[in-house]
């Protein structure tokens, strides 16, 4: 196998690997948000104070949105990883995988967009929780 073939394959894989890194940073942020929501609900449940039920319900709803967001970003990362494999395969096997690569790329971006929509739902939930706390 010629060295330039390996370099071509590596060049093709650089952009998707950068996408994986960016998605990973989003995933880190989301898992931190999930941890804060869980910790907040435990703290409120342990306080046992009346009027906290609504805040706990909001935190549970937020945790579900964050869970959905995490799931979707993990799916996006998986698709980008498959994209890298398909790019390597297309260089070494000389098979035309343009349709598969394009499909994986678009599906990854759609999954990212849905993940961000879920994250925004969580952010709106956080604002509702703050408003509920200020009312109490």
C-alpha atoms as a PDB file:
ATOM      1  CA  UNK A   1       0.000   0.000   0.000  1.00  0.00           C
ATOM      2  CA  UNK A   2       1.395   3.387  -0.973  1.00  0.00           C
ATOM      3  CA  UNK A   3       2.096   5.870   1.821  1.00  0.00           C
ATOM      4  CA  UNK A   4       0.104   8.577   0.036  1.00  0.00           C
ATOM      5  CA  UNK A   5      -3.010   6.382   0.336  1.00  0.00           C
ATOM      6  CA  UNK A   6      -2.637   6.312   4.113  1.00  0.00           C
ATOM      7  CA  UNK A   7      -2.125  10.079   4.188  1.00  0.00           C
ATOM      8  CA  UNK A   8      -5.216  10.570   2.026  1.00  0.00           C
ATOM      9  CA  UNK A   9      -7.243   8.489   4.459  1.00  0.00           C
ATOM     10  CA  UNK A  10      -5.908  10.453   7.435  1.00  0.00           C
ATOM     11  CA  UNK A  11      -6.731  13.748   5.735  1.00  0.00           C
ATOM     12  CA  UNK A  12     -10.288  12.603   5.162  1.00  0.00           C
ATOM     13  CA  UNK A  13     -10.658  11.637   8.815  1.00  0.00           C
ATOM     14  CA  UNK A  14      -9.434  14.924  10.336  1.00  0.00           C
ATOM     15  CA  UNK A  15     -12.685  16.905  10.019  1.00  0.00           C
ATOM     16  CA  UNK A  16     -14.910  14.190  11.501  1.00  0.00           C
ATOM     17  CA  UNK A  17     -12.468  13.733  14.382  1.00  0.00           C
ATOM     18  CA  UNK A  18     -12.760  17.460  15.110  1.00  0.00           C
ATOM     19  CA  UNK A  19     -16.541  17.013  15.124  1.00  0.00           C
ATOM     20  CA  UNK A  20     -16.195  14.197  17.653  1.00  0.00           C
ATOM     21  CA  UNK A  21     -14.104  16.469  19.863  1.00  0.00           C
ATOM     22  CA  UNK A  22     -16.674  19.277  19.668  1.00  0.00           C
ATOM     23  CA  UNK A  23     -19.540  16.881  20.351  1.00  0.00           C
ATOM     24  CA  UNK A  24     -17.568  15.515  23.300  1.00  0.00           C
ATOM     25  CA  UNK A  25     -17.315  18.986  24.816  1.00  0.00           C
ATOM     26  CA  UNK A  26     -21.081  19.374  24.490  1.00  0.00           C
ATOM     27  CA  UNK A  27     -21.522  15.964  26.099  1.00  0.00           C
ATOM     28  CA  UNK A  28     -19.348  17.034  29.031  1.00  0.00           C
ATOM     29  CA  UNK A  29     -21.465  20.129  29.531  1.00  0.00           C
ATOM     30  CA  UNK A  30     -24.654  18.089  29.389  1.00  0.00           C
ATOM     31  CA  UNK A  31     -23.471  15.526  31.914  1.00  0.00           C
ATOM     32  CA  UNK A  32     -22.511  18.366  34.272  1.00  0.00           C
ATOM     33  CA  UNK A  33     -26.008  19.832  33.911  1.00  0.00           C
ATOM     34  CA  UNK A  34     -27.533  16.414  34.606  1.00  0.00           C
ATOM     35  CA  UNK A  35     -25.414  16.074  37.751  1.00  0.00           C
ATOM     36  CA  UNK A  36     -26.545  19.484  39.003  1.00  0.00           C
ATOM     37  CA  UNK A  37     -30.212  18.640  38.354  1.00  0.00           C
ATOM     38  CA  UNK A  38     -29.880  15.349  40.220  1.00  0.00           C
ATOM     39  CA  UNK A  39     -28.035  16.971  43.127  1.00  0.00           C
ATOM     40  CA  UNK A  40     -30.634  19.740  43.307  1.00  0.00           C
ATOM     41  CA  UNK A  41     -33.521  17.282  43.421  1.00  0.00           C
ATOM     42  CA  UNK A  42     -31.813  15.269  46.163  1.00  0.00           C
ATOM     43  CA  UNK A  43     -31.237  18.413  48.175  1.00  0.00           C
ATOM     44  CA  UNK A  44     -34.855  19.505  47.812  1.00  0.00           C
ATOM     45  CA  UNK A  45     -36.174  16.019  48.617  1.00  0.00           C
ATOM     46  CA  UNK A  46     -33.966  15.860  51.711  1.00  0.00           C
ATOM     47  CA  UNK A  47     -35.160  19.251  52.948  1.00  0.00           C
ATOM     48  CA  UNK A  48     -38.729  17.980  53.076  1.00  0.00           C
ATOM     49  CA  UNK A  49     -40.028  21.530  53.133  1.00  0.00           C
ATOM     50  CA  UNK A  50     -43.565  22.142  51.862  1.00  0.00           C
ATOM     51  CA  UNK A  51     -43.856  23.844  48.487  1.00  0.00           C
ATOM     52  CA  UNK A  52     -40.771  22.096  47.142  1.00  0.00           C
ATOM     53  CA  UNK A  53     -42.741  19.462  45.256  1.00  0.00           C
ATOM     54  CA  UNK A  54     -43.178  21.750  42.246  1.00  0.00           C
ATOM     55  CA  UNK A  55     -39.453  22.478  42.132  1.00  0.00           C
ATOM     56  CA  UNK A  56     -38.635  18.767  42.310  1.00  0.00           C
ATOM     57  CA  UNK A  57     -41.082  18.075  39.465  1.00  0.00           C
ATOM     58  CA  UNK A  58     -39.345  20.719  37.365  1.00  0.00           C
ATOM     59  CA  UNK A  59     -35.926  19.218  38.149  1.00  0.00           C
ATOM     60  CA  UNK A  60     -37.133  15.742  37.183  1.00  0.00           C
ATOM     61  CA  UNK A  61     -38.496  17.097  33.895  1.00  0.00           C
ATOM     62  CA  UNK A  62     -35.196  18.896  33.295  1.00  0.00           C
ATOM     63  CA  UNK A  63     -33.244  15.704  33.992  1.00  0.00           C
ATOM     64  CA  UNK A  64     -35.344  13.901  31.398  1.00  0.00           C
ATOM     65  CA  UNK A  65     -34.635  16.607  28.810  1.00  0.00           C
ATOM     66  CA  UNK A  66     -30.928  16.408  29.594  1.00  0.00           C
ATOM     67  CA  UNK A  67     -31.011  12.607  29.342  1.00  0.00           C
ATOM     68  CA  UNK A  68     -32.595  12.906  25.895  1.00  0.00           C
ATOM     69  CA  UNK A  69     -29.999  15.473  24.899  1.00  0.00           C
ATOM     70  CA  UNK A  70     -27.178  13.208  26.072  1.00  0.00           C
ATOM     71  CA  UNK A  71     -28.613  10.231  24.201  1.00  0.00           C
ATOM     72  CA  UNK A  72     -28.891  12.226  20.977  1.00  0.00           C
ATOM     73  CA  UNK A  73     -25.358  13.628  21.204  1.00  0.00           C
ATOM     74  CA  UNK A  74     -23.998  10.127  21.845  1.00  0.00           C
ATOM     75  CA  UNK A  75     -25.865   8.920  18.741  1.00  0.00           C
ATOM     76  CA  UNK A  76     -24.299  11.812  16.800  1.00  0.00           C
ATOM     77  CA  UNK A  77     -20.828  10.857  18.036  1.00  0.00           C
ATOM     78  CA  UNK A  78     -21.435   7.225  17.060  1.00  0.00           C
ATOM     79  CA  UNK A  79     -22.491   8.277  13.562  1.00  0.00           C
ATOM     80  CA  UNK A  80     -19.399  10.428  13.117  1.00  0.00           C
ATOM     81  CA  UNK A  81     -17.232   7.504  14.256  1.00  0.00           C
ATOM     82  CA  UNK A  82     -18.950   5.330  11.646  1.00  0.00           C
ATOM     83  CA  UNK A  83     -18.355   8.108   9.132  1.00  0.00           C
ATOM     84  CA  UNK A  84     -14.604   7.935   9.818  1.00  0.00           C
ATOM     85  CA  UNK A  85     -14.660   4.161   9.307  1.00  0.00           C
ATOM     86  CA  UNK A  86     -16.526   4.547   6.021  1.00  0.00           C
ATOM     87  CA  UNK A  87     -14.062   7.203   4.843  1.00  0.00           C
ATOM     88  CA  UNK A  88     -11.137   4.891   5.585  1.00  0.00           C
ATOM     89  CA  UNK A  89     -12.903   2.007   3.885  1.00  0.00           C
ATOM     90  CA  UNK A  90     -13.574   4.093   0.783  1.00  0.00           C
ATOM     91  CA  UNK A  91      -9.843   4.841   0.431  1.00  0.00           C
ATOM     92  CA  UNK A  92      -8.577   1.332   0.994  1.00  0.00           C
ATOM     93  CA  UNK A  93     -11.310  -0.784  -0.577  1.00  0.00           C
ATOM     94  CA  UNK A  94     -11.997   1.553  -3.518  1.00  0.00           C
ATOM     95  CA  UNK A  95     -15.743   1.321  -2.993  1.00  0.00           C
ATOM     96  CA  UNK A  96     -17.953   4.327  -3.636  1.00  0.00           C
ATOM     97  CA  UNK A  97     -19.472   5.104  -0.247  1.00  0.00           C
ATOM     98  CA  UNK A  98     -20.506   8.708  -0.967  1.00  0.00           C
ATOM     99  CA  UNK A  99     -24.167   8.063  -0.259  1.00  0.00           C
ATOM    100  CA  UNK A 100     -23.425   6.290   3.029  1.00  0.00           C
ATOM    101  CA  UNK A 101     -20.934   8.971   4.108  1.00  0.00           C
ATOM    102  CA  UNK A 102     -23.350  11.784   3.211  1.00  0.00           C
ATOM    103  CA  UNK A 103     -26.203  10.051   5.000  1.00  0.00           C
ATOM    104  CA  UNK A 104     -24.146   9.568   8.154  1.00  0.00           C
ATOM    105  CA  UNK A 105     -22.995  13.187   8.080  1.00  0.00           C
ATOM    106  CA  UNK A 106     -26.529  14.561   7.695  1.00  0.00           C
ATOM    107  CA  UNK A 107     -27.924  12.159  10.309  1.00  0.00           C
ATOM    108  CA  UNK A 108     -25.197  13.224  12.725  1.00  0.00           C
ATOM    109  CA  UNK A 109     -26.062  16.890  12.237  1.00  0.00           C
ATOM    110  CA  UNK A 110     -29.774  16.174  12.684  1.00  0.00           C
ATOM    111  CA  UNK A 111     -29.041  14.298  15.894  1.00  0.00           C
ATOM    112  CA  UNK A 112     -26.926  17.240  17.059  1.00  0.00           C
ATOM    113  CA  UNK A 113     -29.760  19.661  16.297  1.00  0.00           C
ATOM    114  CA  UNK A 114     -32.282  17.559  18.227  1.00  0.00           C
ATOM    115  CA  UNK A 115     -29.830  17.284  21.100  1.00  0.00           C
ATOM    116  CA  UNK A 116     -29.465  21.052  21.211  1.00  0.00           C
ATOM    117  CA  UNK A 117     -33.253  21.448  21.131  1.00  0.00           C
ATOM    118  CA  UNK A 118     -33.511  19.192  24.186  1.00  0.00           C
ATOM    119  CA  UNK A 119     -30.756  21.191  25.865  1.00  0.00           C
ATOM    120  CA  UNK A 120     -32.727  24.390  25.236  1.00  0.00           C
ATOM    121  CA  UNK A 121     -35.803  22.768  26.796  1.00  0.00           C
ATOM    122  CA  UNK A 122     -33.672  22.086  29.876  1.00  0.00           C
ATOM    123  CA  UNK A 123     -32.505  25.697  29.975  1.00  0.00           C
ATOM    124  CA  UNK A 124     -36.106  26.907  29.852  1.00  0.00           C
ATOM    125  CA  UNK A 125     -36.865  24.429  32.642  1.00  0.00           C
ATOM    126  CA  UNK A 126     -34.063  25.911  34.702  1.00  0.00           C
ATOM    127  CA  UNK A 127     -35.636  29.331  34.338  1.00  0.00           C
ATOM    128  CA  UNK A 128     -39.010  27.939  35.436  1.00  0.00           C
ATOM    129  CA  UNK A 129     -37.346  26.403  38.487  1.00  0.00           C
ATOM    130  CA  UNK A 130     -35.748  29.723  39.369  1.00  0.00           C
ATOM    131  CA  UNK A 131     -39.079  31.515  38.993  1.00  0.00           C
ATOM    132  CA  UNK A 132     -40.778  28.886  41.203  1.00  0.00           C
ATOM    133  CA  UNK A 133     -38.106  29.319  43.853  1.00  0.00           C
ATOM    134  CA  UNK A 134     -38.474  33.084  43.826  1.00  0.00           C
ATOM    135  CA  UNK A 135     -42.240  32.733  44.284  1.00  0.00           C
ATOM    136  CA  UNK A 136     -41.817  30.489  47.363  1.00  0.00           C
END
